[in-house]
N, C-alpha and C. Protein backbone atom coordinates (compact mmCIF):
# COMPACT_ATOMS: atom_id res chain seq x y z
N MET A 1 85.47 124.06 105.56
CA MET A 1 86.36 125.01 106.14
C MET A 1 86.56 126.00 105.21
N SER A 2 86.53 127.42 105.73
CA SER A 2 86.65 128.47 104.87
C SER A 2 88.15 128.71 104.73
N GLU A 3 88.32 129.80 103.74
CA GLU A 3 89.79 130.29 103.47
C GLU A 3 90.37 130.90 104.82
N ARG A 4 89.49 131.43 105.78
CA ARG A 4 90.17 132.14 106.87
C ARG A 4 90.57 131.15 107.95
N ALA A 5 90.33 129.82 107.69
CA ALA A 5 90.70 128.76 108.57
C ALA A 5 91.77 128.09 108.27
N ALA A 6 92.47 128.57 107.19
CA ALA A 6 93.79 127.91 106.82
C ALA A 6 94.87 127.96 107.82
N PRO A 7 95.73 126.83 107.86
CA PRO A 7 96.65 126.85 108.77
C PRO A 7 97.85 127.80 108.17
N PHE A 8 98.51 128.39 109.31
CA PHE A 8 99.66 129.33 108.78
C PHE A 8 101.00 128.71 108.91
N TYR A 9 101.03 127.24 109.43
CA TYR A 9 102.31 126.61 109.41
C TYR A 9 102.06 125.17 109.63
N CYS A 10 103.11 124.27 109.13
CA CYS A 10 102.86 122.79 109.55
C CYS A 10 103.20 122.44 111.00
N PRO A 11 102.17 121.66 111.52
CA PRO A 11 102.12 121.27 113.01
C PRO A 11 103.29 120.39 113.15
N TYR A 12 104.09 119.83 112.08
CA TYR A 12 105.04 118.89 112.25
C TYR A 12 106.43 119.50 112.20
N CYS A 13 106.75 120.30 111.23
CA CYS A 13 108.07 121.02 111.09
C CYS A 13 108.06 122.53 111.28
N GLY A 14 106.80 123.11 111.27
CA GLY A 14 106.85 124.67 111.44
C GLY A 14 106.86 125.27 110.14
N ASP A 15 107.15 124.81 109.03
CA ASP A 15 107.43 125.43 107.65
C ASP A 15 105.87 126.03 107.21
N GLU A 16 106.04 126.99 106.36
CA GLU A 16 104.89 127.75 105.94
C GLU A 16 104.63 127.34 104.55
N ASP A 17 105.28 126.37 103.77
CA ASP A 17 104.95 126.10 102.43
C ASP A 17 103.89 125.03 102.45
N LEU A 18 102.73 125.51 102.68
CA LEU A 18 101.51 124.57 102.61
C LEU A 18 100.62 124.68 101.49
N ARG A 19 99.93 123.66 101.14
CA ARG A 19 99.10 123.63 99.89
C ARG A 19 97.89 122.70 100.43
N PRO A 20 96.71 123.27 99.60
CA PRO A 20 95.59 122.44 100.02
C PRO A 20 95.72 121.00 99.38
N SER A 21 95.33 119.88 100.05
CA SER A 21 95.42 118.48 99.62
C SER A 21 94.26 118.20 98.60
N GLU A 22 94.49 117.18 97.75
CA GLU A 22 93.47 116.55 96.87
C GLU A 22 92.51 115.67 97.77
N GLN A 23 93.06 115.48 99.00
CA GLN A 23 92.24 114.32 99.84
C GLN A 23 90.85 114.71 100.31
N GLY A 24 90.74 116.06 100.16
CA GLY A 24 89.39 116.52 100.57
C GLY A 24 89.22 117.76 101.46
N HIS A 25 88.20 117.85 102.09
CA HIS A 25 87.94 119.05 102.82
C HIS A 25 88.89 119.00 104.15
N GLY A 26 89.50 120.12 104.23
CA GLY A 26 90.51 120.50 105.36
C GLY A 26 91.79 119.80 105.50
N ALA A 27 92.24 119.15 104.42
CA ALA A 27 93.46 118.39 104.09
C ALA A 27 94.39 119.34 103.64
N TRP A 28 95.55 119.25 104.20
CA TRP A 28 96.67 120.04 103.76
C TRP A 28 98.10 119.25 103.54
N GLU A 29 98.99 119.69 102.73
CA GLU A 29 100.29 119.14 102.27
C GLU A 29 101.34 120.07 102.72
N CYS A 30 102.32 119.63 103.47
CA CYS A 30 103.65 120.44 103.62
C CYS A 30 104.74 119.89 102.63
N ALA A 31 105.17 121.08 101.80
CA ALA A 31 106.15 120.68 100.83
C ALA A 31 107.56 120.40 101.55
N ALA A 32 107.65 121.12 102.65
CA ALA A 32 109.10 121.11 103.37
C ALA A 32 109.26 119.64 103.95
N CYS A 33 108.37 119.02 104.63
CA CYS A 33 108.65 117.73 105.19
C CYS A 33 107.78 116.57 104.61
N ASN A 34 107.19 116.91 103.58
CA ASN A 34 106.47 115.96 102.68
C ASN A 34 105.48 115.35 103.64
N ARG A 35 104.65 115.92 104.38
CA ARG A 35 103.65 115.23 105.35
C ARG A 35 102.33 115.87 104.92
N ALA A 36 101.15 115.09 105.14
CA ALA A 36 99.84 115.46 104.95
C ALA A 36 99.10 115.44 106.21
N PHE A 37 98.17 116.65 106.57
CA PHE A 37 97.64 116.50 107.67
C PHE A 37 96.21 117.08 107.49
N GLN A 38 95.25 116.93 108.47
CA GLN A 38 93.81 117.29 108.24
C GLN A 38 93.32 118.19 109.49
N LEU A 39 92.63 119.22 109.25
CA LEU A 39 92.06 120.19 110.26
C LEU A 39 90.62 119.64 110.40
N LYS A 40 90.33 119.65 111.62
CA LYS A 40 88.88 119.42 111.97
C LYS A 40 88.43 120.27 113.13
N PHE A 41 87.17 120.96 112.87
CA PHE A 41 86.59 121.89 113.95
C PHE A 41 85.86 120.64 114.80
N LEU A 42 86.01 120.71 116.10
CA LEU A 42 85.34 119.81 117.15
C LEU A 42 84.11 120.37 117.60
N GLY A 43 84.24 121.77 117.85
CA GLY A 43 82.90 122.27 118.43
C GLY A 43 83.25 123.60 119.46
N LEU A 44 82.40 124.08 119.92
CA LEU A 44 82.46 125.11 120.96
C LEU A 44 82.49 124.71 122.30
N LEU A 45 83.48 125.28 123.19
CA LEU A 45 83.38 124.95 124.51
C LEU A 45 82.32 125.31 125.15
N ALA A 46 81.80 124.73 126.32
CA ALA A 46 80.91 125.12 127.16
C ALA A 46 81.35 126.58 127.92
N GLN A 47 80.43 127.42 128.32
CA GLN A 47 80.94 128.75 128.81
C GLN A 47 81.68 128.65 130.02
N GLY A 48 81.14 127.50 130.95
CA GLY A 48 81.79 127.38 132.19
C GLY A 48 83.08 126.71 132.29
N LEU A 49 83.66 126.46 131.04
CA LEU A 49 85.14 125.83 131.09
C LEU A 49 86.17 126.77 130.80
N GLN A 50 85.90 128.23 130.93
CA GLN A 50 86.95 129.23 130.85
C GLN A 50 87.80 129.35 132.24
N HIS A 51 89.08 129.51 131.83
CA HIS A 51 90.07 129.58 132.94
C HIS A 51 90.63 131.12 133.17
N ASN A 52 90.60 131.43 134.20
CA ASN A 52 91.19 132.93 134.45
C ASN A 52 92.81 132.75 134.54
N ASP A 53 93.43 133.89 134.06
CA ASP A 53 94.93 133.77 134.06
C ASP A 53 95.70 133.82 135.26
N ALA A 54 95.10 134.07 136.41
CA ALA A 54 95.71 134.62 137.55
C ALA A 54 95.82 133.14 138.18
N GLY A 55 95.09 132.19 138.72
CA GLY A 55 95.10 131.04 139.25
C GLY A 55 94.75 129.86 138.65
N GLY A 56 94.38 129.88 137.44
CA GLY A 56 93.82 128.71 136.67
C GLY A 56 92.60 128.15 137.12
N GLU A 57 91.86 129.00 137.98
CA GLU A 57 90.52 128.39 138.58
C GLU A 57 89.32 128.70 137.39
N GLN A 58 88.41 127.85 137.58
CA GLN A 58 87.36 127.87 136.83
C GLN A 58 86.54 129.25 137.08
N ILE A 59 85.97 129.82 136.02
CA ILE A 59 84.98 130.99 136.32
C ILE A 59 83.65 130.51 136.37
């Protein structure tokens, strides 16, 4: 994971006091709620799975 993919806030408490964890790649620690979490890129979506804003229909 690159620097630009760093989270802006904790997914549990919403605080912004995050630090990289020593647990490894993509792991973060929140100083506010004392939780650790990990980010993982799953992949790209297929082009046919995009939704339009008007009716929620697939394009």
